[in-house]
Amino acid sequence: MKKKLVALTLAAVMTISMAGCGNTMSDEYVTINKYKGLEITEVEKTEVTDETVENTVKSYLTAAPLKTEITDRAAQDGDTVDIDFVGKVDGKAFDGGTASGASLKIGSGTYIGANGDYKGFEEQIIGHKKGDKFDIEVKFPDDYSESTLAGKVATFSITLNGIYEVSDDTEITDEWVKQNSDTAETVEEFKEEIRTKMKENNESTRQSQLQSEVLEALSEQVEVKKYPDGDIDKEYQAVEDYYTAYAQQYGMELADFLETYMNMTEDDFKKKAKEVAEESVKKKLACELLAKKKKLEPSDKEYEKKVEEYAEKAGYEDVDAFRKAYDEDTIRATILQEAVANYLLESSVQVEAASTDNSTDGSSSDK
């Protein structure tokens, strides 16, 4: 009996020991101390209510009001027209002077106005019918923002594709739905379409947040032995390039942008950017190790499918354009990290967020 008890105890110890070993892994770069049963903050599901659906429908209606095509008369003030045009100065096309399928409300003052003996762009469309092709001349203001065009006379060759009356009615109709939905034909069908999309978007957002949470939890369990040569520098440069490009959008140097918008010196930025780079590489190394050990690397077919999915989510119709916009290594790393995150989530434990509502004595306010 005693011998049997000792054997059972030893078996239990061995089971615990093996379970512990099974929850760690290591290579030349990192050691993962734990990856199963990671605790992450609970992410609640966002419910889609009738009110949120109605508000979303109203926003769609505002962005794309009902249009009724006019075919029995020429364009007049107040109409919305669909036009193609090519603008030239001294016989040469200029940047920003060409468009296809442009929507313009005549009288809105959106385009170049009258200047001296030259009429405005919009008023010269009045009197023309759908299908007409005609040339107009306008004169840019002397103080025009683009100095190379200031005070110049431009010729625009215009094709009038359509004339429309745009309704100010705020009520959605079946007619509007048919104009603006690829699948729905009635208001109720459209609302259900919106509800479905919102549910999908909410769940996608929730899943992304969970993936981020579990990767952060994994990172806390990782010890770095060494970084691969050049990886930190590459990540640091990516961070710096991102903020430099952002600063340029404001017409500013990086140092000025940091001080003005981020209340940060260049030295502070460099320190923070290095920390971000190190954290990024650490997470990348841990994910690569887990993916290799657990055989999570996507196949070529799975990879290509993911790239298409990412391109669509990012608003790219062309996958090649998406690939040109993003570094291939970055795309691969992102896909791999998503696969690892989903694997980790299977065994993760969601816990409620810690309450920040404390009583004056420092104890929890919940009794």
Protein backbone atom coordinates (compact mmCIF):
# COMPACT_ATOMS: atom_id res chain seq x y z
CA MET A 1 0.00 0.00 0.00
CA LYS A 2 2.78 2.39 0.95
CA LYS A 3 4.67 1.50 -2.23
CA LYS A 4 1.54 2.20 -4.31
CA LEU A 5 1.03 5.57 -2.59
CA VAL A 6 4.63 6.57 -3.30
CA ALA A 7 4.19 5.58 -6.94
CA LEU A 8 1.02 7.69 -7.25
CA THR A 9 2.72 10.68 -5.60
CA LEU A 10 5.70 10.37 -7.92
CA ALA A 11 3.38 10.20 -10.92
CA ALA A 12 1.63 13.38 -9.79
CA VAL A 13 4.96 15.17 -9.37
CA MET A 14 6.07 14.02 -12.81
CA THR A 15 2.81 15.25 -14.35
CA ILE A 16 3.21 18.72 -12.79
CA SER A 17 6.85 18.85 -13.81
CA MET A 18 6.11 17.89 -17.39
CA ALA A 19 3.26 20.38 -17.57
CA GLY A 20 5.65 23.09 -16.45
CA CYS A 21 8.20 22.11 -19.08
CA GLY A 22 5.48 22.09 -21.70
CA ASN A 23 4.67 25.72 -21.01
CA THR A 24 8.15 27.06 -21.75
CA MET A 25 10.38 27.12 -24.80
CA SER A 26 13.66 28.69 -25.82
CA ASP A 27 16.07 29.30 -28.69
CA GLU A 28 19.27 31.29 -29.13
CA TYR A 29 17.44 34.63 -28.94
CA VAL A 30 14.60 34.36 -26.41
CA THR A 31 13.12 32.26 -23.65
CA ILE A 32 9.34 32.10 -23.28
CA ASN A 33 8.59 31.32 -19.64
CA LYS A 34 4.87 30.79 -20.21
CA TYR A 35 2.50 30.82 -23.14
CA LYS A 36 -0.45 28.67 -22.07
CA GLY A 37 -3.18 30.08 -19.85
CA LEU A 38 -2.11 33.69 -20.24
CA GLU A 39 -4.34 36.12 -18.37
CA ILE A 40 -5.78 38.95 -20.43
CA THR A 41 -8.28 41.71 -19.72
CA GLU A 42 -11.81 40.74 -20.67
CA VAL A 43 -13.11 42.43 -23.82
CA GLU A 44 -16.90 42.67 -23.77
CA LYS A 45 -19.00 42.31 -26.88
CA THR A 46 -20.56 45.50 -28.22
CA GLU A 47 -24.26 45.08 -28.88
CA VAL A 48 -25.83 46.50 -32.03
CA THR A 49 -29.04 48.31 -31.06
CA ASP A 50 -31.88 49.66 -33.20
CA GLU A 51 -30.69 53.17 -32.32
CA THR A 52 -27.14 52.59 -33.59
CA VAL A 53 -28.54 51.11 -36.81
CA GLU A 54 -30.83 54.14 -37.34
CA ASN A 55 -27.96 56.58 -36.68
CA THR A 56 -25.73 54.73 -39.15
CA VAL A 57 -28.45 54.77 -41.79
CA LYS A 58 -28.83 58.54 -41.31
CA SER A 59 -25.09 59.05 -41.78
CA TYR A 60 -25.24 57.09 -45.05
CA LEU A 61 -28.18 59.17 -46.21
CA THR A 62 -26.37 62.43 -45.43
CA ALA A 63 -23.25 61.29 -47.29
CA ALA A 64 -25.20 60.12 -50.36
CA PRO A 65 -28.52 61.96 -50.74
CA LEU A 66 -31.08 60.74 -53.27
CA LYS A 67 -30.27 61.77 -56.85
CA THR A 68 -32.80 62.02 -59.68
CA GLU A 69 -31.33 62.19 -63.18
CA ILE A 70 -32.51 64.96 -65.48
CA THR A 71 -32.64 64.11 -69.19
CA ASP A 72 -35.19 66.56 -70.62
CA ARG A 73 -33.36 69.85 -70.16
CA ALA A 74 -29.97 71.54 -69.94
CA ALA A 75 -28.05 72.07 -66.72
CA GLN A 76 -29.06 75.02 -64.59
CA ASP A 77 -27.99 76.71 -61.36
CA GLY A 78 -28.48 74.41 -58.38
CA ASP A 79 -28.14 71.18 -60.37
CA THR A 80 -25.49 68.59 -59.55
CA VAL A 81 -23.52 67.45 -62.57
CA ASP A 82 -21.17 64.55 -63.25
CA ILE A 83 -18.29 65.68 -65.44
CA ASP A 84 -14.92 64.66 -66.87
CA PHE A 85 -12.43 67.42 -67.58
CA VAL A 86 -8.87 68.11 -68.65
CA GLY A 87 -7.34 71.48 -67.83
CA LYS A 88 -4.41 73.00 -69.71
CA VAL A 89 -2.33 76.14 -69.37
CA ASP A 90 -0.36 77.22 -72.46
CA GLY A 91 -1.39 73.93 -74.06
CA LYS A 92 0.01 71.74 -71.27
CA ALA A 93 -1.97 69.75 -68.70
CA PHE A 94 -1.22 70.69 -65.09
CA ASP A 95 -1.37 68.81 -61.80
CA GLY A 96 -4.86 68.70 -60.32
CA GLY A 97 -6.46 69.88 -63.55
CA THR A 98 -7.78 66.50 -64.70
CA ALA A 99 -10.65 64.47 -63.26
CA SER A 100 -13.06 61.72 -64.26
CA GLY A 101 -16.57 61.35 -62.85
CA ALA A 102 -16.32 64.50 -60.73
CA SER A 103 -19.51 65.54 -58.93
CA LEU A 104 -20.15 69.29 -58.85
CA LYS A 105 -23.12 71.30 -57.60
CA ILE A 106 -23.46 74.34 -59.85
CA GLY A 107 -23.44 77.51 -57.77
CA SER A 108 -21.53 75.96 -54.86
CA GLY A 109 -18.46 78.08 -55.57
CA THR A 110 -16.26 74.99 -55.34
CA TYR A 111 -14.43 75.64 -58.61
CA ILE A 112 -12.68 78.74 -60.00
CA GLY A 113 -14.97 81.78 -59.97
CA ALA A 114 -15.36 84.70 -62.37
CA ASN A 115 -12.25 86.86 -62.82
CA GLY A 116 -12.32 90.03 -64.91
CA ASP A 117 -13.60 89.24 -68.40
CA TYR A 118 -13.55 85.52 -67.70
CA LYS A 119 -16.64 83.73 -66.41
CA GLY A 120 -16.47 81.20 -63.60
CA PHE A 121 -16.03 77.47 -64.19
CA GLU A 122 -19.43 76.45 -62.84
CA GLU A 123 -21.57 79.05 -64.62
CA GLN A 124 -20.14 77.98 -68.00
CA ILE A 125 -21.66 74.51 -67.57
CA ILE A 126 -25.14 76.03 -67.41
CA GLY A 127 -27.04 75.52 -70.69
CA HIS A 128 -25.27 72.32 -71.68
CA LYS A 129 -27.00 68.92 -71.85
CA LYS A 130 -25.97 65.39 -71.00
CA GLY A 131 -23.42 64.08 -73.48
CA ASP A 132 -22.18 67.55 -74.51
CA LYS A 133 -18.43 68.03 -74.96
CA PHE A 134 -17.20 71.61 -74.83
CA ASP A 135 -14.30 73.87 -73.87
CA ILE A 136 -14.32 76.74 -71.39
CA GLU A 137 -11.73 79.29 -70.32
CA VAL A 138 -11.15 80.51 -66.77
CA LYS A 139 -8.57 82.73 -65.13
CA PHE A 140 -6.88 81.77 -61.89
CA PRO A 141 -6.78 84.48 -59.19
CA ASP A 142 -3.50 86.40 -58.85
CA ASP A 143 -3.21 85.13 -55.26
CA TYR A 144 -3.94 81.49 -56.16
CA SER A 145 -2.31 79.05 -53.74
CA GLU A 146 -0.37 77.30 -56.52
CA SER A 147 2.04 80.05 -57.65
CA THR A 148 2.71 78.48 -61.06
CA LEU A 149 -0.98 78.91 -61.92
CA ALA A 150 -1.61 82.29 -60.29
CA GLY A 151 -3.04 84.78 -62.79
CA LYS A 152 -2.89 82.24 -65.64
CA VAL A 153 -5.68 81.51 -68.13
CA ALA A 154 -6.63 77.83 -68.34
CA THR A 155 -8.67 75.95 -70.94
CA PHE A 156 -10.81 73.07 -69.71
CA SER A 157 -12.17 70.42 -72.06
CA ILE A 158 -15.36 69.14 -70.41
CA THR A 159 -17.61 66.14 -70.97
CA LEU A 160 -21.01 66.38 -69.26
CA ASN A 161 -21.90 62.83 -68.20
CA GLY A 162 -25.12 63.55 -66.35
CA ILE A 163 -27.35 66.13 -64.70
CA TYR A 164 -29.08 65.45 -61.38
CA GLU A 165 -31.42 66.96 -58.85
CA VAL A 166 -30.24 66.09 -55.35
CA SER A 167 -32.95 65.76 -52.73
CA ASP A 168 -32.65 67.36 -49.30
CA ASP A 169 -35.22 64.90 -47.93
CA THR A 170 -33.85 63.17 -44.83
CA GLU A 171 -36.18 60.17 -45.11
CA ILE A 172 -34.67 57.01 -46.54
CA THR A 173 -36.66 55.33 -49.32
CA ASP A 174 -36.55 52.12 -51.32
CA GLU A 175 -35.43 54.19 -54.31
CA TRP A 176 -32.41 55.49 -52.37
CA VAL A 177 -31.56 51.95 -51.25
CA LYS A 178 -31.56 50.69 -54.85
CA GLN A 179 -29.14 53.49 -55.79
CA ASN A 180 -26.73 52.91 -52.92
CA SER A 181 -26.75 49.22 -52.00
CA ASP A 182 -25.32 46.34 -54.01
CA THR A 183 -27.64 43.77 -52.42
CA ALA A 184 -30.61 45.38 -50.65
CA GLU A 185 -33.66 46.70 -52.50
CA THR A 186 -35.85 47.87 -49.61
CA VAL A 187 -35.31 50.01 -46.53
CA GLU A 188 -35.78 47.02 -44.21
CA GLU A 189 -33.30 44.91 -46.19
CA PHE A 190 -30.80 47.77 -46.05
CA LYS A 191 -31.18 48.16 -42.29
CA GLU A 192 -30.59 44.44 -41.84
CA GLU A 193 -27.54 44.72 -44.09
CA ILE A 194 -26.22 47.53 -41.90
CA ARG A 195 -26.92 45.53 -38.72
CA THR A 196 -24.99 42.54 -40.08
CA LYS A 197 -22.01 44.67 -41.11
CA MET A 198 -21.93 46.41 -37.72
CA LYS A 199 -21.96 43.06 -35.91
CA GLU A 200 -19.11 41.83 -38.09
CA ASN A 201 -17.12 45.04 -37.55
CA ASN A 202 -17.69 44.93 -33.79
CA GLU A 203 -16.54 41.33 -33.58
CA SER A 204 -13.52 42.08 -35.77
CA THR A 205 -12.58 44.98 -33.49
CA ARG A 206 -13.06 42.82 -30.40
CA GLN A 207 -10.95 40.05 -31.87
CA SER A 208 -8.17 42.50 -32.77
CA GLN A 209 -8.20 43.85 -29.23
CA LEU A 210 -8.00 40.34 -27.78
CA GLN A 211 -5.10 39.51 -30.09
CA SER A 212 -3.28 42.63 -28.97
CA GLU A 213 -3.95 41.81 -25.30
CA VAL A 214 -2.65 38.25 -25.57
CA LEU A 215 0.50 39.30 -27.45
CA GLU A 216 1.21 41.86 -24.73
CA ALA A 217 0.71 39.15 -22.11
CA LEU A 218 3.10 36.89 -24.01
CA SER A 219 5.70 39.65 -24.22
CA GLU A 220 5.69 39.94 -20.43
CA GLN A 221 6.71 36.28 -20.27
CA VAL A 222 9.66 36.66 -22.66
CA GLU A 223 13.32 37.06 -21.73
CA VAL A 224 15.67 38.24 -24.47
CA LYS A 225 19.10 36.61 -24.63
CA LYS A 226 20.26 38.67 -27.58
CA TYR A 227 18.85 40.53 -30.55
CA PRO A 228 19.67 39.55 -34.15
CA ASP A 229 22.15 41.94 -35.76
CA GLY A 230 20.45 44.95 -37.29
CA ASP A 231 16.89 44.15 -36.16
CA ILE A 232 16.67 46.92 -33.56
CA ASP A 233 18.12 49.48 -35.97
CA LYS A 234 15.62 48.46 -38.65
CA GLU A 235 12.65 48.79 -36.31
CA TYR A 236 13.94 52.07 -34.90
CA GLN A 237 14.29 53.48 -38.42
CA ALA A 238 10.73 52.41 -39.22
CA VAL A 239 9.44 54.34 -36.20
CA GLU A 240 11.48 57.43 -37.08
CA ASP A 241 10.41 57.29 -40.76
CA TYR A 242 6.76 57.06 -39.73
CA TYR A 243 6.87 60.17 -37.55
CA THR A 244 9.04 62.05 -40.05
CA ALA A 245 6.45 61.43 -42.77
CA TYR A 246 3.70 62.47 -40.34
CA ALA A 247 5.56 65.71 -39.58
CA GLN A 248 5.93 66.42 -43.29
CA GLN A 249 2.14 66.29 -43.69
CA TYR A 250 2.08 69.30 -41.36
CA GLY A 251 4.91 70.94 -43.31
CA MET A 252 7.23 70.62 -40.31
CA GLU A 253 10.61 69.17 -39.41
CA LEU A 254 10.49 66.20 -37.05
CA ALA A 255 11.99 68.12 -34.11
CA ASP A 256 9.39 70.91 -34.42
CA PHE A 257 6.57 68.40 -34.79
CA LEU A 258 7.65 66.51 -31.67
CA GLU A 259 7.81 69.67 -29.61
CA THR A 260 4.56 71.15 -30.90
CA TYR A 261 2.26 68.14 -31.05
CA MET A 262 3.85 65.54 -28.78
CA ASN A 263 5.49 67.75 -26.12
CA MET A 264 8.67 65.75 -26.56
CA THR A 265 12.33 66.55 -27.24
CA GLU A 266 14.36 64.69 -29.85
CA ASP A 267 16.29 62.91 -27.10
CA ASP A 268 13.02 61.81 -25.45
CA PHE A 269 11.79 60.59 -28.83
CA LYS A 270 14.95 58.61 -29.53
CA LYS A 271 14.74 56.93 -26.14
CA LYS A 272 11.08 56.06 -26.59
CA ALA A 273 11.58 54.92 -30.18
CA LYS A 274 14.34 52.56 -29.09
CA GLU A 275 12.08 51.08 -26.42
CA VAL A 276 9.34 50.59 -29.01
CA ALA A 277 11.84 48.98 -31.39
CA GLU A 278 13.11 46.59 -28.72
CA GLU A 279 9.58 45.61 -27.70
CA SER A 280 8.61 45.05 -31.32
CA VAL A 281 11.61 42.82 -32.01
CA LYS A 282 11.08 40.89 -28.77
CA LYS A 283 7.47 40.19 -29.71
CA LYS A 284 8.50 39.23 -33.23
CA LEU A 285 11.16 36.78 -31.99
CA ALA A 286 8.74 35.17 -29.52
CA CYS A 287 6.09 34.75 -32.21
CA GLU A 288 8.58 33.25 -34.64
CA LEU A 289 9.70 30.75 -31.99
CA LEU A 290 6.13 29.76 -31.10
CA ALA A 291 5.12 29.52 -34.74
CA LYS A 292 8.05 27.25 -35.50
CA LYS A 293 7.58 24.95 -32.48
CA LYS A 294 3.80 24.73 -32.85
CA LYS A 295 3.82 24.64 -36.66
CA LEU A 296 1.69 27.79 -37.01
CA GLU A 297 3.38 29.19 -40.12
CA PRO A 298 0.78 29.70 -42.86
CA SER A 299 1.09 27.78 -46.10
CA ASP A 300 1.69 29.72 -49.32
CA LYS A 301 -2.03 29.45 -50.12
CA GLU A 302 -3.05 30.63 -46.65
CA TYR A 303 -0.55 33.47 -46.83
CA GLU A 304 -1.87 34.74 -50.17
CA LYS A 305 -5.45 34.55 -48.87
CA LYS A 306 -4.47 36.63 -45.84
CA VAL A 307 -2.74 39.22 -48.01
CA GLU A 308 -5.93 39.59 -50.05
CA GLU A 309 -7.93 39.96 -46.82
CA TYR A 310 -5.55 42.63 -45.49
CA ALA A 311 -5.62 44.51 -48.79
CA GLU A 312 -9.42 44.57 -48.79
CA LYS A 313 -9.61 45.74 -45.17
CA ALA A 314 -7.09 48.51 -45.93
CA GLY A 315 -9.25 49.69 -48.83
CA TYR A 316 -7.05 48.45 -51.67
CA GLU A 317 -8.84 46.98 -54.69
CA ASP A 318 -5.52 45.82 -56.11
CA VAL A 319 -3.38 43.41 -54.03
CA ASP A 320 -0.27 44.53 -55.90
CA ALA A 321 -0.88 48.12 -54.81
CA PHE A 322 -1.17 46.93 -51.21
CA ARG A 323 2.13 45.06 -51.52
CA LYS A 324 3.82 48.17 -52.86
CA ALA A 325 2.53 50.23 -49.94
CA TYR A 326 3.71 47.81 -47.25
CA ASP A 327 7.02 46.04 -46.77
CA GLU A 328 6.76 42.28 -47.42
CA ASP A 329 8.57 41.44 -44.17
CA THR A 330 6.06 43.55 -42.25
CA ILE A 331 3.12 41.79 -43.92
CA ARG A 332 4.58 38.36 -43.13
CA ALA A 333 5.31 39.31 -39.53
CA THR A 334 1.77 40.62 -39.07
CA ILE A 335 0.18 37.47 -40.49
CA LEU A 336 2.42 35.28 -38.33
CA GLN A 337 1.63 37.28 -35.19
CA GLU A 338 -2.09 36.98 -35.89
CA ALA A 339 -1.75 33.18 -36.18
CA VAL A 340 0.21 33.03 -32.92
CA ALA A 341 -2.28 35.31 -31.15
CA ASN A 342 -5.21 33.11 -32.19
CA TYR A 343 -3.33 30.04 -30.92
CA LEU A 344 -2.63 31.73 -27.57
CA LEU A 345 -6.24 32.86 -27.22
CA GLU A 346 -7.44 29.26 -27.22
CA SER A 347 -5.89 28.69 -23.78
CA SER A 348 -6.00 32.26 -22.47
CA VAL A 349 -8.04 33.31 -19.44
CA GLN A 350 -10.06 36.53 -19.62
CA VAL A 351 -10.28 38.43 -16.34
CA GLU A 352 -12.28 41.51 -15.42
CA ALA A 353 -10.47 44.82 -15.60
CA ALA A 354 -9.27 46.01 -12.21
CA SER A 355 -11.57 48.62 -10.68
CA THR A 356 -10.12 52.12 -10.35
CA ASP A 357 -12.94 53.28 -8.05
CA ASN A 358 -11.26 53.26 -4.63
CA SER A 359 -12.48 54.66 -1.32
CA THR A 360 -10.54 57.29 0.60
CA ASP A 361 -8.76 54.74 2.77
CA GLY A 362 -7.39 52.99 -0.30
CA SER A 363 -9.62 49.93 -0.06
CA SER A 364 -12.08 48.83 -2.73
CA SER A 365 -15.38 50.72 -2.71
CA ASP A 366 -17.25 47.46 -3.39
CA LYS A 367 -18.30 45.88 -0.11
